[in-house]
Amino acid sequence: MQLNKKSVIDRSAKIKIVLIILLLCVAFLLLNNNGMIKLFQAKKENQVLIEKKENLEVKENELLDEKEKLQHDKKYIEKTAREQYNMVKPGEKVYKVIEE
């Protein structure tokens, strides 16, 4: 009888030790400086940076197109001058609408 009780105690102690070791390993993997949490944070930050890069590339292409138009497209230059700088051709009259 004592052997059975001792083997049951030994078996439960072994199971507890194995569980504690597993928990420590999981905690180490999750919480150390190079752990899984850091990996997930780095992946998320990487995705944000990729999206920012794509947005900046789109904006760069738009600016390059506008630059090209400003260098070569006379109608676009005139439109920009009228809209942004309130320029008029000689002899034109500008009417301003005043809202009450």
PDB file of N, CA and C in Angstrom:
ATOM      1  N   MET A   1       0.806  -1.191   0.000  1.00  0.00           N
ATOM      2  CA  MET A   1       0.000   0.000   0.000  1.00  0.00           C
ATOM      3  C   MET A   1       0.852   1.259   0.000  1.00  0.00           C
ATOM      4  N   GLN A   2       1.928   1.198   0.717  1.00  0.00           N
ATOM      5  CA  GLN A   2       2.772   2.385   0.780  1.00  0.00           C
ATOM      6  C   GLN A   2       3.430   2.652  -0.560  1.00  0.00           C
ATOM      7  N   LEU A   3       3.719   1.611  -1.305  1.00  0.00           N
ATOM      8  CA  LEU A   3       4.294   1.809  -2.633  1.00  0.00           C
ATOM      9  C   LEU A   3       3.312   2.516  -3.539  1.00  0.00           C
ATOM     10  N   ASN A   4       2.065   2.139  -3.494  1.00  0.00           N
ATOM     11  CA  ASN A   4       1.058   2.775  -4.338  1.00  0.00           C
ATOM     12  C   ASN A   4       0.894   4.244  -3.975  1.00  0.00           C
ATOM     13  N   LYS A   5       0.832   4.550  -2.676  1.00  0.00           N
ATOM     14  CA  LYS A   5       0.696   5.936  -2.249  1.00  0.00           C
ATOM     15  C   LYS A   5       1.927   6.735  -2.650  1.00  0.00           C
ATOM     16  N   LYS A   6       3.095   6.125  -2.479  1.00  0.00           N
ATOM     17  CA  LYS A   6       4.334   6.819  -2.825  1.00  0.00           C
ATOM     18  C   LYS A   6       4.425   7.038  -4.335  1.00  0.00           C
ATOM     19  N   SER A   7       4.014   6.080  -5.131  1.00  0.00           N
ATOM     20  CA  SER A   7       4.066   6.244  -6.585  1.00  0.00           C
ATOM     21  C   SER A   7       3.045   7.270  -7.052  1.00  0.00           C
ATOM     22  N   VAL A   8       1.891   7.342  -6.386  1.00  0.00           N
ATOM     23  CA  VAL A   8       0.891   8.350  -6.734  1.00  0.00           C
ATOM     24  C   VAL A   8       1.426   9.733  -6.389  1.00  0.00           C
ATOM     25  N   ILE A   9       2.052   9.870  -5.237  1.00  0.00           N
ATOM     26  CA  ILE A   9       2.638  11.140  -4.838  1.00  0.00           C
ATOM     27  C   ILE A   9       3.777  11.512  -5.786  1.00  0.00           C
ATOM     28  N   ASP A  10       4.600  10.569  -6.105  1.00  0.00           N
ATOM     29  CA  ASP A  10       5.698  10.830  -7.033  1.00  0.00           C
ATOM     30  C   ASP A  10       5.166  11.243  -8.403  1.00  0.00           C
ATOM     31  N   ARG A  11       4.116  10.566  -8.860  1.00  0.00           N
ATOM     32  CA  ARG A  11       3.552  10.871 -10.164  1.00  0.00           C
ATOM     33  C   ARG A  11       2.941  12.280 -10.163  1.00  0.00           C
ATOM     34  N   SER A  12       2.204  12.647  -9.147  1.00  0.00           N
ATOM     35  CA  SER A  12       1.611  13.989  -9.087  1.00  0.00           C
ATOM     36  C   SER A  12       2.699  15.056  -8.931  1.00  0.00           C
ATOM     37  N   ALA A  13       3.755  14.737  -8.205  1.00  0.00           N
ATOM     38  CA  ALA A  13       4.867  15.684  -8.070  1.00  0.00           C
ATOM     39  C   ALA A  13       5.561  15.867  -9.419  1.00  0.00           C
ATOM     40  N   LYS A  14       5.742  14.783 -10.141  1.00  0.00           N
ATOM     41  CA  LYS A  14       6.367  14.881 -11.465  1.00  0.00           C
ATOM     42  C   LYS A  14       5.512  15.717 -12.412  1.00  0.00           C
ATOM     43  N   ILE A  15       4.195  15.495 -12.347  1.00  0.00           N
ATOM     44  CA  ILE A  15       3.283  16.262 -13.213  1.00  0.00           C
ATOM     45  C   ILE A  15       3.355  17.745 -12.862  1.00  0.00           C
ATOM     46  N   LYS A  16       3.374  18.057 -11.561  1.00  0.00           N
ATOM     47  CA  LYS A  16       3.472  19.454 -11.139  1.00  0.00           C
ATOM     48  C   LYS A  16       4.782  20.082 -11.598  1.00  0.00           C
ATOM     49  N   ILE A  17       5.860  19.358 -11.483  1.00  0.00           N
ATOM     50  CA  ILE A  17       7.166  19.867 -11.912  1.00  0.00           C
ATOM     51  C   ILE A  17       7.174  20.120 -13.409  1.00  0.00           C
ATOM     52  N   VAL A  18       6.627  19.173 -14.161  1.00  0.00           N
ATOM     53  CA  VAL A  18       6.568  19.346 -15.624  1.00  0.00           C
ATOM     54  C   VAL A  18       5.703  20.548 -15.975  1.00  0.00           C
ATOM     55  N   LEU A  19       4.570  20.710 -15.310  1.00  0.00           N
ATOM     56  CA  LEU A  19       3.700  21.861 -15.582  1.00  0.00           C
ATOM     57  C   LEU A  19       4.399  23.179 -15.233  1.00  0.00           C
ATOM     58  N   ILE A  20       5.093  23.207 -14.124  1.00  0.00           N
ATOM     59  CA  ILE A  20       5.821  24.421 -13.738  1.00  0.00           C
ATOM     60  C   ILE A  20       6.902  24.748 -14.761  1.00  0.00           C
ATOM     61  N   ILE A  21       7.616  23.742 -15.208  1.00  0.00           N
ATOM     62  CA  ILE A  21       8.656  23.950 -16.221  1.00  0.00           C
ATOM     63  C   ILE A  21       8.033  24.463 -17.524  1.00  0.00           C
ATOM     64  N   LEU A  22       6.905  23.872 -17.924  1.00  0.00           N
ATOM     65  CA  LEU A  22       6.225  24.327 -19.137  1.00  0.00           C
ATOM     66  C   LEU A  22       5.757  25.775 -18.996  1.00  0.00           C
ATOM     67  N   LEU A  23       5.192  26.110 -17.855  1.00  0.00           N
ATOM     68  CA  LEU A  23       4.743  27.480 -17.630  1.00  0.00           C
ATOM     69  C   LEU A  23       5.914  28.459 -17.662  1.00  0.00           C
ATOM     70  N   LEU A  24       7.026  28.072 -17.076  1.00  0.00           N
ATOM     71  CA  LEU A  24       8.204  28.934 -17.119  1.00  0.00           C
ATOM     72  C   LEU A  24       8.713  29.114 -18.547  1.00  0.00           C
ATOM     73  N   CYS A  25       8.686  28.041 -19.320  1.00  0.00           N
ATOM     74  CA  CYS A  25       9.127  28.131 -20.725  1.00  0.00           C
ATOM     75  C   CYS A  25       8.212  29.045 -21.526  1.00  0.00           C
ATOM     76  N   VAL A  26       6.900  28.898 -21.327  1.00  0.00           N
ATOM     77  CA  VAL A  26       5.941  29.750 -22.035  1.00  0.00           C
ATOM     78  C   VAL A  26       6.129  31.207 -21.622  1.00  0.00           C
ATOM     79  N   ALA A  27       6.274  31.445 -20.313  1.00  0.00           N
ATOM     80  CA  ALA A  27       6.494  32.808 -19.832  1.00  0.00           C
ATOM     81  C   ALA A  27       7.781  33.377 -20.421  1.00  0.00           C
ATOM     82  N   PHE A  28       8.820  32.585 -20.492  1.00  0.00           N
ATOM     83  CA  PHE A  28      10.084  33.045 -21.065  1.00  0.00           C
ATOM     84  C   PHE A  28       9.906  33.402 -22.539  1.00  0.00           C
ATOM     85  N   LEU A  29       9.195  32.556 -23.277  1.00  0.00           N
ATOM     86  CA  LEU A  29       8.987  32.831 -24.699  1.00  0.00           C
ATOM     87  C   LEU A  29       8.161  34.088 -24.919  1.00  0.00           C
ATOM     88  N   LEU A  30       7.213  34.337 -24.046  1.00  0.00           N
ATOM     89  CA  LEU A  30       6.352  35.496 -24.232  1.00  0.00           C
ATOM     90  C   LEU A  30       6.960  36.789 -23.719  1.00  0.00           C
ATOM     91  N   LEU A  31       7.714  36.735 -22.663  1.00  0.00           N
ATOM     92  CA  LEU A  31       8.092  37.954 -21.967  1.00  0.00           C
ATOM     93  C   LEU A  31       9.541  38.387 -22.119  1.00  0.00           C
ATOM     94  N   ASN A  32      10.406  37.593 -22.689  1.00  0.00           N
ATOM     95  CA  ASN A  32      11.797  38.040 -22.790  1.00  0.00           C
ATOM     96  C   ASN A  32      11.950  39.100 -23.882  1.00  0.00           C
ATOM     97  N   ASN A  33      13.129  39.674 -23.997  1.00  0.00           N
ATOM     98  CA  ASN A  33      13.355  40.777 -24.939  1.00  0.00           C
ATOM     99  C   ASN A  33      13.114  40.389 -26.393  1.00  0.00           C
ATOM    100  N   ASN A  34      13.323  39.154 -26.732  1.00  0.00           N
ATOM    101  CA  ASN A  34      13.105  38.688 -28.105  1.00  0.00           C
ATOM    102  C   ASN A  34      11.909  37.753 -28.174  1.00  0.00           C
ATOM    103  N   GLY A  35      10.966  37.933 -27.284  1.00  0.00           N
ATOM    104  CA  GLY A  35       9.836  37.013 -27.172  1.00  0.00           C
ATOM    105  C   GLY A  35       8.770  37.228 -28.225  1.00  0.00           C
ATOM    106  N   MET A  36       7.731  36.457 -28.093  1.00  0.00           N
ATOM    107  CA  MET A  36       6.635  36.464 -29.059  1.00  0.00           C
ATOM    108  C   MET A  36       5.895  37.805 -29.052  1.00  0.00           C
ATOM    109  N   ILE A  37       5.729  38.408 -27.881  1.00  0.00           N
ATOM    110  CA  ILE A  37       5.030  39.688 -27.814  1.00  0.00           C
ATOM    111  C   ILE A  37       5.802  40.740 -28.612  1.00  0.00           C
ATOM    112  N   LYS A  38       7.109  40.767 -28.449  1.00  0.00           N
ATOM    113  CA  LYS A  38       7.941  41.710 -29.217  1.00  0.00           C
ATOM    114  C   LYS A  38       7.834  41.426 -30.715  1.00  0.00           C
ATOM    115  N   LEU A  39       7.776  40.150 -31.066  1.00  0.00           N
ATOM    116  CA  LEU A  39       7.658  39.773 -32.471  1.00  0.00           C
ATOM    117  C   LEU A  39       6.349  40.288 -33.059  1.00  0.00           C
ATOM    118  N   PHE A  40       5.244  40.119 -32.334  1.00  0.00           N
ATOM    119  CA  PHE A  40       3.953  40.601 -32.824  1.00  0.00           C
ATOM    120  C   PHE A  40       3.940  42.124 -32.930  1.00  0.00           C
ATOM    121  N   GLN A  41       4.542  42.798 -31.950  1.00  0.00           N
ATOM    122  CA  GLN A  41       4.616  44.258 -32.007  1.00  0.00           C
ATOM    123  C   GLN A  41       5.454  44.709 -33.202  1.00  0.00           C
ATOM    124  N   ALA A  42       6.547  44.026 -33.457  1.00  0.00           N
ATOM    125  CA  ALA A  42       7.403  44.377 -34.589  1.00  0.00           C
ATOM    126  C   ALA A  42       6.675  44.148 -35.914  1.00  0.00           C
ATOM    127  N   LYS A  43       5.911  43.073 -36.009  1.00  0.00           N
ATOM    128  CA  LYS A  43       5.152  42.812 -37.237  1.00  0.00           C
ATOM    129  C   LYS A  43       4.098  43.890 -37.458  1.00  0.00           C
ATOM    130  N   LYS A  44       3.431  44.299 -36.378  1.00  0.00           N
ATOM    131  CA  LYS A  44       2.407  45.335 -36.497  1.00  0.00           C
ATOM    132  C   LYS A  44       3.038  46.655 -36.925  1.00  0.00           C
ATOM    133  N   GLU A  45       4.159  47.009 -36.306  1.00  0.00           N
ATOM    134  CA  GLU A  45       4.855  48.236 -36.671  1.00  0.00           C
ATOM    135  C   GLU A  45       5.344  48.178 -38.114  1.00  0.00           C
ATOM    136  N   ASN A  46       5.812  47.019 -38.532  1.00  0.00           N
ATOM    137  CA  ASN A  46       6.262  46.839 -39.912  1.00  0.00           C
ATOM    138  C   ASN A  46       5.105  47.084 -40.880  1.00  0.00           C
ATOM    139  N   GLN A  47       3.921  46.569 -40.556  1.00  0.00           N
ATOM    140  CA  GLN A  47       2.764  46.761 -41.422  1.00  0.00           C
ATOM    141  C   GLN A  47       2.385  48.242 -41.510  1.00  0.00           C
ATOM    142  N   VAL A  48       2.442  48.943 -40.379  1.00  0.00           N
ATOM    143  CA  VAL A  48       2.137  50.378 -40.370  1.00  0.00           C
ATOM    144  C   VAL A  48       3.137  51.125 -41.246  1.00  0.00           C
ATOM    145  N   LEU A  49       4.406  50.775 -41.123  1.00  0.00           N
ATOM    146  CA  LEU A  49       5.437  51.445 -41.928  1.00  0.00           C
ATOM    147  C   LEU A  49       5.282  51.149 -43.417  1.00  0.00           C
ATOM    148  N   ILE A  50       4.876  49.937 -43.750  1.00  0.00           N
ATOM    149  CA  ILE A  50       4.642  49.593 -45.159  1.00  0.00           C
ATOM    150  C   ILE A  50       3.496  50.439 -45.710  1.00  0.00           C
ATOM    151  N   GLU A  51       2.421  50.608 -44.928  1.00  0.00           N
ATOM    152  CA  GLU A  51       1.292  51.428 -45.377  1.00  0.00           C
ATOM    153  C   GLU A  51       1.703  52.881 -45.540  1.00  0.00           C
ATOM    154  N   LYS A  52       2.511  53.401 -44.608  1.00  0.00           N
ATOM    155  CA  LYS A  52       2.994  54.778 -44.728  1.00  0.00           C
ATOM    156  C   LYS A  52       3.844  54.935 -45.975  1.00  0.00           C
ATOM    157  N   LYS A  53       4.695  53.943 -46.236  1.00  0.00           N
ATOM    158  CA  LYS A  53       5.554  53.990 -47.418  1.00  0.00           C
ATOM    159  C   LYS A  53       4.712  54.020 -48.697  1.00  0.00           C
ATOM    160  N   GLU A  54       3.681  53.187 -48.746  1.00  0.00           N
ATOM    161  CA  GLU A  54       2.818  53.155 -49.928  1.00  0.00           C
ATOM    162  C   GLU A  54       2.109  54.494 -50.118  1.00  0.00           C
ATOM    163  N   ASN A  55       1.625  55.085 -49.003  1.00  0.00           N
ATOM    164  CA  ASN A  55       0.967  56.385 -49.095  1.00  0.00           C
ATOM    165  C   ASN A  55       1.935  57.457 -49.575  1.00  0.00           C
ATOM    166  N   LEU A  56       3.164  57.414 -49.092  1.00  0.00           N
ATOM    167  CA  LEU A  56       4.157  58.388 -49.523  1.00  0.00           C
ATOM    168  C   LEU A  56       4.526  58.204 -50.997  1.00  0.00           C
ATOM    169  N   GLU A  57       4.558  56.966 -51.454  1.00  0.00           N
ATOM    170  CA  GLU A  57       4.848  56.716 -52.873  1.00  0.00           C
ATOM    171  C   GLU A  57       3.737  57.272 -53.750  1.00  0.00           C
ATOM    172  N   VAL A  58       2.482  57.098 -53.316  1.00  0.00           N
ATOM    173  CA  VAL A  58       1.354  57.648 -54.076  1.00  0.00           C
ATOM    174  C   VAL A  58       1.448  59.166 -54.121  1.00  0.00           C
ATOM    175  N   LYS A  59       1.733  59.781 -52.969  1.00  0.00           N
ATOM    176  CA  LYS A  59       1.852  61.233 -52.918  1.00  0.00           C
ATOM    177  C   LYS A  59       3.014  61.717 -53.785  1.00  0.00           C
ATOM    178  N   GLU A  60       4.124  60.976 -53.757  1.00  0.00           N
ATOM    179  CA  GLU A  60       5.275  61.347 -54.583  1.00  0.00           C
ATOM    180  C   GLU A  60       4.897  61.321 -56.060  1.00  0.00           C
ATOM    181  N   ASN A  61       4.161  60.292 -56.481  1.00  0.00           N
ATOM    182  CA  ASN A  61       3.743  60.206 -57.888  1.00  0.00           C
ATOM    183  C   ASN A  61       2.821  61.362 -58.256  1.00  0.00           C
ATOM    184  N   GLU A  62       1.921  61.727 -57.332  1.00  0.00           N
ATOM    185  CA  GLU A  62       1.033  62.857 -57.601  1.00  0.00           C
ATOM    186  C   GLU A  62       1.837  64.147 -57.745  1.00  0.00           C
ATOM    187  N   LEU A  63       2.811  64.328 -56.873  1.00  0.00           N
ATOM    188  CA  LEU A  63       3.634  65.542 -56.954  1.00  0.00           C
ATOM    189  C   LEU A  63       4.489  65.565 -58.218  1.00  0.00           C
ATOM    190  N   LEU A  64       4.992  64.408 -58.616  1.00  0.00           N
ATOM    191  CA  LEU A  64       5.769  64.352 -59.859  1.00  0.00           C
ATOM    192  C   LEU A  64       4.891  64.678 -61.065  1.00  0.00           C
ATOM    193  N   ASP A  65       3.638  64.188 -61.045  1.00  0.00           N
ATOM    194  CA  ASP A  65       2.707  64.524 -62.129  1.00  0.00           C
ATOM    195  C   ASP A  65       2.424  66.023 -62.157  1.00  0.00           C
ATOM    196  N   GLU A  66       2.191  66.595 -60.977  1.00  0.00           N
ATOM    197  CA  GLU A  66       1.922  68.027 -60.916  1.00  0.00           C
ATOM    198  C   GLU A  66       3.140  68.824 -61.385  1.00  0.00           C
ATOM    199  N   LYS A  67       4.321  68.380 -60.992  1.00  0.00           N
ATOM    200  CA  LYS A  67       5.552  69.052 -61.434  1.00  0.00           C
ATOM    201  C   LYS A  67       5.654  69.028 -62.953  1.00  0.00           C
ATOM    202  N   GLU A  68       5.377  67.874 -63.520  1.00  0.00           N
ATOM    203  CA  GLU A  68       5.436  67.725 -64.977  1.00  0.00           C
ATOM    204  C   GLU A  68       4.428  68.668 -65.647  1.00  0.00           C
ATOM    205  N   LYS A  69       3.218  68.742 -65.085  1.00  0.00           N
ATOM    206  CA  LYS A  69       2.207  69.636 -65.652  1.00  0.00           C
ATOM    207  C   LYS A  69       2.639  71.091 -65.528  1.00  0.00           C
ATOM    208  N   LEU A  70       3.202  71.449 -64.375  1.00  0.00           N
ATOM    209  CA  LEU A  70       3.626  72.838 -64.174  1.00  0.00           C
ATOM    210  C   LEU A  70       4.789  73.223 -65.095  1.00  0.00           C
ATOM    211  N   GLN A  71       5.555  72.253 -65.514  1.00  0.00           N
ATOM    212  CA  GLN A  71       6.676  72.549 -66.409  1.00  0.00           C
ATOM    213  C   GLN A  71       6.261  72.623 -67.873  1.00  0.00           C
ATOM    214  N   HIS A  72       5.190  71.902 -68.261  1.00  0.00           N
ATOM    215  CA  HIS A  72       4.916  71.773 -69.691  1.00  0.00           C
ATOM    216  C   HIS A  72       3.481  72.090 -70.114  1.00  0.00           C
ATOM    217  N   ASP A  73       2.519  72.042 -69.243  1.00  0.00           N
ATOM    218  CA  ASP A  73       1.109  72.216 -69.625  1.00  0.00           C
ATOM    219  C   ASP A  73       0.675  73.659 -69.361  1.00  0.00           C
ATOM    220  N   LYS A  74       0.551  74.441 -70.426  1.00  0.00           N
ATOM    221  CA  LYS A  74       0.210  75.863 -70.310  1.00  0.00           C
ATOM    222  C   LYS A  74      -1.165  76.069 -69.673  1.00  0.00           C
ATOM    223  N   LYS A  75      -2.122  75.237 -70.043  1.00  0.00           N
ATOM    224  CA  LYS A  75      -3.462  75.395 -69.479  1.00  0.00           C
ATOM    225  C   LYS A  75      -3.471  75.107 -67.978  1.00  0.00           C
ATOM    226  N   TYR A  76      -2.706  74.134 -67.559  1.00  0.00           N
ATOM    227  CA  TYR A  76      -2.638  73.820 -66.126  1.00  0.00           C
ATOM    228  C   TYR A  76      -1.944  74.945 -65.357  1.00  0.00           C
ATOM    229  N   ILE A  77      -0.905  75.509 -65.959  1.00  0.00           N
ATOM    230  CA  ILE A  77      -0.202  76.625 -65.325  1.00  0.00           C
ATOM    231  C   ILE A  77      -1.159  77.810 -65.145  1.00  0.00           C
ATOM    232  N   GLU A  78      -1.928  78.097 -66.188  1.00  0.00           N
ATOM    233  CA  GLU A  78      -2.885  79.205 -66.126  1.00  0.00           C
ATOM    234  C   GLU A  78      -3.960  78.924 -65.073  1.00  0.00           C
ATOM    235  N   LYS A  79      -4.472  77.733 -65.039  1.00  0.00           N
ATOM    236  CA  LYS A  79      -5.494  77.364 -64.063  1.00  0.00           C
ATOM    237  C   LYS A  79      -4.959  77.504 -62.637  1.00  0.00           C
ATOM    238  N   THR A  80      -3.738  77.033 -62.418  1.00  0.00           N
ATOM    239  CA  THR A  80      -3.123  77.124 -61.088  1.00  0.00           C
ATOM    240  C   THR A  80      -2.901  78.576 -60.700  1.00  0.00           C
ATOM    241  N   ALA A  81      -2.438  79.379 -61.633  1.00  0.00           N
ATOM    242  CA  ALA A  81      -2.196  80.798 -61.346  1.00  0.00           C
ATOM    243  C   ALA A  81      -3.505  81.501 -60.995  1.00  0.00           C
ATOM    244  N   ARG A  82      -4.565  81.185 -61.695  1.00  0.00           N
ATOM    245  CA  ARG A  82      -5.859  81.814 -61.418  1.00  0.00           C
ATOM    246  C   ARG A  82      -6.417  81.375 -60.064  1.00  0.00           C
ATOM    247  N   GLU A  83      -6.343  80.076 -59.773  1.00  0.00           N
ATOM    248  CA  GLU A  83      -6.958  79.556 -58.557  1.00  0.00           C
ATOM    249  C   GLU A  83      -6.147  79.885 -57.310  1.00  0.00           C
ATOM    250  N   GLN A  84      -4.852  79.680 -57.363  1.00  0.00           N
ATOM    251  CA  GLN A  84      -4.044  79.820 -56.153  1.00  0.00           C
ATOM    252  C   GLN A  84      -3.529  81.231 -55.929  1.00  0.00           C
ATOM    253  N   TYR A  85      -3.302  81.966 -57.002  1.00  0.00           N
ATOM    254  CA  TYR A  85      -2.667  83.275 -56.859  1.00  0.00           C
ATOM    255  C   TYR A  85      -3.563  84.426 -57.308  1.00  0.00           C
ATOM    256  N   ASN A  86      -4.815  84.130 -57.624  1.00  0.00           N
ATOM    257  CA  ASN A  86      -5.807  85.142 -58.027  1.00  0.00           C
ATOM    258  C   ASN A  86      -5.295  86.027 -59.157  1.00  0.00           C
ATOM    259  N   MET A  87      -4.584  85.432 -60.107  1.00  0.00           N
ATOM    260  CA  MET A  87      -4.048  86.195 -61.231  1.00  0.00           C
ATOM    261  C   MET A  87      -5.108  86.282 -62.341  1.00  0.00           C
ATOM    262  N   VAL A  88      -5.040  87.365 -63.102  1.00  0.00           N
ATOM    263  CA  VAL A  88      -5.963  87.565 -64.224  1.00  0.00           C
ATOM    264  C   VAL A  88      -5.159  87.997 -65.448  1.00  0.00           C
ATOM    265  N   LYS A  89      -5.767  87.792 -66.592  1.00  0.00           N
ATOM    266  CA  LYS A  89      -5.143  88.254 -67.832  1.00  0.00           C
ATOM    267  C   LYS A  89      -5.373  89.762 -67.951  1.00  0.00           C
ATOM    268  N   PRO A  90      -4.509  90.430 -68.706  1.00  0.00           N
ATOM    269  CA  PRO A  90      -4.720  91.875 -68.894  1.00  0.00           C
ATOM    270  C   PRO A  90      -6.082  92.132 -69.536  1.00  0.00           C
ATOM    271  N   GLY A  91      -6.810  93.090 -68.979  1.00  0.00           N
ATOM    272  CA  GLY A  91      -8.113  93.448 -69.531  1.00  0.00           C
ATOM    273  C   GLY A  91      -9.264  92.688 -68.906  1.00  0.00           C
ATOM    274  N   GLU A  92      -9.005  91.662 -68.153  1.00  0.00           N
ATOM    275  CA  GLU A  92     -10.082  90.915 -67.495  1.00  0.00           C
ATOM    276  C   GLU A  92     -10.515  91.644 -66.229  1.00  0.00           C
ATOM    277  N   LYS A  93     -11.776  91.463 -65.894  1.00  0.00           N
ATOM    278  CA  LYS A  93     -12.287  92.045 -64.664  1.00  0.00           C
ATOM    279  C   LYS A  93     -12.650  90.916 -63.715  1.00  0.00           C
ATOM    280  N   VAL A  94     -12.356  91.132 -62.455  1.00  0.00           N
ATOM    281  CA  VAL A  94     -12.643  90.128 -61.444  1.00  0.00           C
ATOM    282  C   VAL A  94     -13.810  90.617 -60.612  1.00  0.00           C
ATOM    283  N   TYR A  95     -14.791  89.763 -60.466  1.00  0.00           N
ATOM    284  CA  TYR A  95     -15.942  90.082 -59.643  1.00  0.00           C
ATOM    285  C   TYR A  95     -15.910  89.193 -58.421  1.00  0.00           C
ATOM    286  N   LYS A  96     -16.072  89.811 -57.258  1.00  0.00           N
ATOM    287  CA  LYS A  96     -16.116  89.043 -56.015  1.00  0.00           C
ATOM    288  C   LYS A  96     -17.542  89.034 -55.509  1.00  0.00           C
ATOM    289  N   VAL A  97     -17.993  87.853 -55.123  1.00  0.00           N
ATOM    290  CA  VAL A  97     -19.332  87.729 -54.576  1.00  0.00           C
ATOM    291  C   VAL A  97     -19.208  87.809 -53.060  1.00  0.00           C
ATOM    292  N   ILE A  98     -19.952  88.778 -52.482  1.00  0.00           N
ATOM    293  CA  ILE A  98     -19.908  88.943 -51.039  1.00  0.00           C
ATOM    294  C   ILE A  98     -21.184  88.353 -50.468  1.00  0.00           C
ATOM    295  N   GLU A  99     -21.017  87.400 -49.590  1.00  0.00           N
ATOM    296  CA  GLU A  99     -22.175  86.758 -48.971  1.00  0.00           C
ATOM    297  C   GLU A  99     -22.548  87.526 -47.726  1.00  0.00           C
ATOM    298  N   GLU A 100     -23.852  87.634 -47.478  1.00  0.00           N
ATOM    299  CA  GLU A 100     -24.308  88.365 -46.300  1.00  0.00           C
ATOM    300  C   GLU A 100     -24.422  87.472 -45.112  1.00  0.00           C
TER     301      GLU A 100
END
